[in-house]
Amino acid sequence: MSSIHDDPVSDAAARPLGRIPSGLFILTARHEGHSTGMLASWVMQAGFEPPMVTFALARGRFVGDWIEAAGRCTLNQVPSDGKVLLKHFGRGFAPDENAFDGLELLDVSAAGPVPAASSSFLDLEVVGRLDEGDHLVYLARVVGAGVIRDDAEPYVHIRSNGFRY
């Protein structure tokens, strides 16, 4: 199997894929008395009735195991002025690390922690998973939600290359 770097179609697709705009989110989950969070950008609304979203996780991320065990997670929307969240969660966390050290959290969700600096949150119940390629794509039903900062614009992210975060 050739890599994407040897494929002329992938070479041509790198810049257009990177230019697909996405929001930035903090995906949070709880498992066996622990909680964690990570930056997520591949999120999309996927239904009205019931309200559904999809999100993608790279294979091998421990948070995927936690989400599958619990069947729930929370997506916290990063506001356009949310650089503190990007800096905090951009480095990543090990399973036994406190991913929320130094952050104020709101007590509004059972599915996953909600940083107070978020603009809104969606509590999700996972109902399906697509197991293809280097990422797993989850389909989830919205089971709870809230707006934290009604005046906040969402952080919009565009990458220079569709094959790197």
Protein backbone atom coordinates (compact mmCIF):
# COMPACT_ATOMS: atom_id res chain seq x y z
CA MET A 1 0.00 0.00 0.00
CA SER A 2 1.44 3.41 -0.92
CA SER A 3 1.38 6.33 1.46
CA ILE A 4 -0.51 9.56 0.80
CA HIS A 5 2.82 11.17 0.00
CA ASP A 6 3.28 8.87 -3.04
CA ASP A 7 -0.23 9.42 -4.41
CA PRO A 8 -0.75 12.20 -7.01
CA VAL A 9 -4.45 12.54 -6.07
CA SER A 10 -3.53 13.02 -2.42
CA ASP A 11 -0.85 15.55 -3.38
CA ALA A 12 -3.46 17.52 -5.30
CA ALA A 13 -6.00 17.19 -2.48
CA ALA A 14 -3.77 18.40 0.39
CA ARG A 15 -4.50 22.12 0.05
CA PRO A 16 -8.23 21.89 -0.82
CA LEU A 17 -8.82 19.48 2.10
CA GLY A 18 -7.01 21.83 4.46
CA ARG A 19 -9.24 24.69 3.39
CA ILE A 20 -12.42 22.97 4.60
CA PRO A 21 -13.37 25.17 7.56
CA SER A 22 -14.18 23.60 10.88
CA GLY A 23 -14.90 24.73 14.38
CA LEU A 24 -12.68 23.86 17.30
CA PHE A 25 -14.04 21.95 20.26
CA ILE A 26 -12.86 20.46 23.50
CA LEU A 27 -14.11 16.88 23.57
CA THR A 28 -14.43 15.67 27.17
CA ALA A 29 -15.19 12.27 28.64
CA ARG A 30 -15.39 10.48 31.97
CA HIS A 31 -14.31 6.90 32.71
CA GLU A 32 -13.93 4.98 35.98
CA GLY A 33 -13.69 8.10 38.14
CA HIS A 34 -11.32 9.94 35.78
CA SER A 35 -11.98 12.62 33.18
CA THR A 36 -10.04 14.00 30.24
CA GLY A 37 -10.29 16.45 27.36
CA MET A 38 -8.77 16.95 23.93
CA LEU A 39 -8.94 19.34 21.00
CA ALA A 40 -11.31 18.17 18.26
CA SER A 41 -11.95 19.84 14.94
CA TRP A 42 -13.69 17.24 12.80
CA VAL A 43 -17.21 17.82 14.08
CA MET A 44 -20.38 18.23 12.03
CA GLN A 45 -24.10 18.36 12.63
CA ALA A 46 -25.62 15.22 11.16
CA GLY A 47 -29.37 15.38 11.81
CA PHE A 48 -32.35 17.44 12.96
CA GLU A 49 -34.76 14.89 14.42
CA PRO A 50 -33.27 13.73 16.63
CA PRO A 51 -30.40 16.24 16.74
CA MET A 52 -27.19 14.37 15.83
CA VAL A 53 -23.51 15.16 15.29
CA THR A 54 -20.47 13.31 14.03
CA PHE A 55 -16.94 13.63 15.32
CA ALA A 56 -13.69 11.93 14.36
CA LEU A 57 -10.87 10.60 16.53
CA ALA A 58 -7.50 9.32 15.37
CA ARG A 59 -7.12 5.60 15.91
CA GLY A 60 -5.37 4.68 19.12
CA ARG A 61 -6.54 7.69 21.16
CA PHE A 62 -7.35 6.44 24.65
CA VAL A 63 -10.28 8.85 24.84
CA GLY A 64 -11.99 6.75 22.15
CA ASP A 65 -11.88 3.73 24.48
CA TRP A 66 -13.32 5.84 27.30
CA ILE A 67 -16.14 7.12 25.09
CA GLU A 68 -16.99 3.63 23.87
CA ALA A 69 -17.04 2.30 27.46
CA ALA A 70 -19.27 5.12 28.73
CA GLY A 71 -21.27 5.61 25.54
CA ARG A 72 -21.28 9.37 26.24
CA CYS A 73 -19.11 12.45 25.92
CA THR A 74 -19.38 16.24 25.75
CA LEU A 75 -18.40 18.63 22.96
CA ASN A 76 -17.48 22.08 24.26
CA GLN A 77 -17.33 24.81 21.61
CA VAL A 78 -14.23 26.99 21.67
CA PRO A 79 -15.07 30.69 21.22
CA SER A 80 -13.05 32.89 18.84
CA ASP A 81 -11.30 34.42 21.86
CA GLY A 82 -10.63 31.01 23.43
CA LYS A 83 -6.87 30.83 22.94
CA VAL A 84 -6.47 29.80 26.61
CA LEU A 85 -8.39 26.58 25.81
CA LEU A 86 -6.35 25.96 22.65
CA LYS A 87 -3.07 26.39 24.52
CA HIS A 88 -4.21 24.23 27.43
CA PHE A 89 -5.60 21.30 25.43
CA GLY A 90 -3.24 21.55 22.44
CA ARG A 91 -0.47 19.70 24.24
CA GLY A 92 -2.55 16.57 24.94
CA PHE A 93 -2.82 14.51 28.11
CA ALA A 94 -1.97 11.01 29.28
CA PRO A 95 -4.83 8.91 30.72
CA ASP A 96 -3.71 9.48 34.32
CA GLU A 97 -3.10 13.26 33.97
CA ASN A 98 -5.51 15.90 35.25
CA ALA A 99 -6.55 17.49 31.96
CA PHE A 100 -8.42 20.29 33.75
CA ASP A 101 -5.80 21.50 36.22
CA GLY A 102 -6.01 25.28 36.45
CA LEU A 103 -9.31 25.56 34.56
CA GLU A 104 -12.66 26.62 35.99
CA LEU A 105 -15.30 23.96 35.29
CA LEU A 106 -19.08 24.28 35.29
CA ASP A 107 -21.19 21.63 37.00
CA VAL A 108 -23.69 21.25 34.15
CA SER A 109 -22.94 17.91 32.49
CA ALA A 110 -22.76 14.28 33.54
CA ALA A 111 -21.19 13.15 30.26
CA GLY A 112 -17.96 15.16 30.41
CA PRO A 113 -16.47 18.24 32.05
CA VAL A 114 -17.45 21.68 30.73
CA PRO A 115 -14.73 24.36 30.86
CA ALA A 116 -16.21 27.74 31.86
CA ALA A 117 -14.26 29.38 29.00
CA SER A 118 -16.33 27.42 26.43
CA SER A 119 -19.10 29.21 24.55
CA SER A 120 -21.53 26.26 24.56
CA PHE A 121 -21.66 22.51 25.08
CA LEU A 122 -23.44 19.44 23.72
CA ASP A 123 -23.86 16.26 25.76
CA LEU A 124 -23.75 13.30 23.42
CA GLU A 125 -24.81 9.67 23.44
CA VAL A 126 -22.86 7.61 20.91
CA VAL A 127 -25.14 5.59 18.62
CA GLY A 128 -22.73 4.42 15.90
CA ARG A 129 -19.18 4.29 14.64
CA LEU A 130 -17.61 4.13 11.18
CA ASP A 131 -14.39 2.13 11.30
CA GLU A 132 -12.44 3.14 8.17
CA GLY A 133 -9.10 4.78 7.49
CA ASP A 134 -6.87 6.35 10.12
CA HIS A 135 -9.72 7.93 12.10
CA LEU A 136 -12.87 6.53 13.70
CA VAL A 137 -16.01 8.54 12.97
CA TYR A 138 -18.67 8.52 15.68
CA LEU A 139 -22.36 9.33 15.26
CA ALA A 140 -23.93 10.73 18.42
CA ARG A 141 -27.36 11.91 19.54
CA VAL A 142 -27.53 15.23 21.40
CA VAL A 143 -29.03 14.46 24.82
CA GLY A 144 -28.27 17.76 26.56
CA ALA A 145 -26.94 21.19 25.68
CA GLY A 146 -26.33 24.67 26.98
CA VAL A 147 -25.09 28.10 25.99
CA ILE A 148 -22.45 29.60 28.25
CA ARG A 149 -21.67 32.79 26.33
CA ASP A 150 -24.43 33.81 23.94
CA ASP A 151 -22.35 36.67 22.51
CA ALA A 152 -19.32 34.50 21.66
CA GLU A 153 -18.45 33.80 18.03
CA PRO A 154 -17.18 30.27 17.28
CA TYR A 155 -13.50 29.69 16.62
CA VAL A 156 -13.16 28.76 12.93
CA HIS A 157 -10.12 26.74 11.92
CA ILE A 158 -8.56 26.36 8.46
CA ARG A 159 -5.47 24.23 7.94
CA SER A 160 -2.76 24.87 5.36
CA ASN A 161 -2.56 21.16 4.53
CA GLY A 162 -5.33 18.56 4.62
CA PHE A 163 -2.95 15.86 5.90
CA ARG A 164 -1.89 17.58 9.13
CA TYR A 165 -3.81 18.97 12.08
